[in-house]
Amino acid sequence: MPQDEAVIGCTGKVLIGTRGSAGPGEVLVRVRGGSETFLAWSEDPLAVGATVLVIESRGCREVGVIEWVDPLDALGENTAGAG
């Protein structure tokens, strides 16, 4: 089963919530200059709208994801009132 290495490290949004070990959800991932949907597996359930980071490709348009908060977003909040 070929893996899609290009998707690892990309971020996306949960379209259909994941259920942890009970089953996958679906995510929309920004990859290759566009957006593509993948079945998404996660250790913990993730709600619709959550931002995720792809941590593995499982082949056949399936990925492993974790919830993701961009650390650079916090920098923008801290500097918004500066200057």
Protein backbone atom coordinates (compact mmCIF):
# COMPACT_ATOMS: atom_id res chain seq x y z
CA MET A 1 0.00 0.00 0.00
CA PRO A 2 1.76 3.24 -1.12
CA GLN A 3 2.11 5.99 1.42
CA ASP A 4 1.66 9.67 0.60
CA GLU A 5 4.71 11.29 2.18
CA ALA A 6 3.72 14.76 0.87
CA VAL A 7 0.84 14.99 3.33
CA ILE A 8 2.93 14.41 6.48
CA GLY A 9 3.42 17.70 8.33
CA CYS A 10 0.47 19.40 6.63
CA THR A 11 -2.38 20.95 8.57
CA GLY A 12 -6.09 20.67 8.00
CA LYS A 13 -9.59 20.89 9.47
CA VAL A 14 -11.83 18.10 10.73
CA LEU A 15 -14.93 17.72 8.51
CA ILE A 16 -16.36 14.63 10.22
CA GLY A 17 -15.29 14.09 13.83
CA THR A 18 -12.88 11.29 14.62
CA ARG A 19 -13.85 8.73 17.27
CA GLY A 20 -10.46 7.71 18.61
CA SER A 21 -10.05 3.94 18.57
CA ALA A 22 -13.76 3.54 17.63
CA GLY A 23 -13.19 4.76 14.07
CA PRO A 24 -11.98 7.41 11.67
CA GLY A 25 -13.34 10.77 10.69
CA GLU A 26 -12.58 12.92 7.69
CA VAL A 27 -10.21 15.87 7.32
CA LEU A 28 -9.58 18.49 4.65
CA VAL A 29 -5.82 18.94 4.32
CA ARG A 30 -3.94 21.73 2.53
CA VAL A 31 -1.44 19.88 0.34
CA ARG A 32 0.11 20.17 -3.14
CA GLY A 33 -1.17 23.73 -3.65
CA GLY A 34 -4.79 22.77 -2.96
CA SER A 35 -6.98 20.90 -0.51
CA GLU A 36 -7.74 17.19 -0.40
CA THR A 37 -9.88 15.02 1.88
CA PHE A 38 -8.57 11.99 3.77
CA LEU A 39 -9.93 9.46 6.23
CA ALA A 40 -8.38 10.48 9.53
CA TRP A 41 -7.46 8.39 12.55
CA SER A 42 -6.56 9.85 15.95
CA GLU A 43 -5.87 8.47 19.42
CA ASP A 44 -8.47 10.75 20.98
CA PRO A 45 -11.79 11.87 19.48
CA LEU A 46 -11.57 15.18 17.60
CA ALA A 47 -14.54 17.47 17.00
CA VAL A 48 -15.70 18.97 13.72
CA GLY A 49 -13.75 22.17 13.01
CA ALA A 50 -10.66 21.21 15.00
CA THR A 51 -7.31 22.05 13.41
CA VAL A 52 -5.10 18.99 12.94
CA LEU A 53 -1.54 18.12 11.99
CA VAL A 54 -0.94 15.04 9.84
CA ILE A 55 1.63 12.85 11.59
CA GLU A 56 1.50 9.73 9.41
CA SER A 57 0.30 8.42 6.08
CA ARG A 58 -1.50 5.09 6.24
CA GLY A 59 -1.82 4.73 2.47
CA CYS A 60 -5.06 4.60 0.46
CA ARG A 61 -5.93 8.21 1.40
CA GLU A 62 -5.83 7.53 5.14
CA VAL A 63 -3.80 9.58 7.62
CA GLY A 64 -3.02 9.71 11.32
CA VAL A 65 -3.63 13.14 12.90
CA ILE A 66 -3.28 15.02 16.18
CA GLU A 67 -4.99 18.19 17.29
CA TRP A 68 -2.83 21.20 16.41
CA VAL A 69 -2.47 24.70 17.75
CA ASP A 70 0.02 26.73 15.74
CA PRO A 71 2.62 28.08 18.20
CA LEU A 72 3.07 31.15 15.99
CA ASP A 73 -0.54 32.16 16.65
CA ALA A 74 0.40 32.84 20.29
CA LEU A 75 3.19 35.17 19.15
CA GLY A 76 0.72 37.23 17.15
CA GLU A 77 -1.53 37.64 20.19
CA ASN A 78 1.35 38.79 22.40
CA THR A 79 2.60 41.40 19.93
CA ALA A 80 -0.82 42.74 18.89
CA GLY A 81 -0.77 45.44 21.59
CA ALA A 82 2.93 46.26 21.29
CA GLY A 83 4.23 49.40 19.67
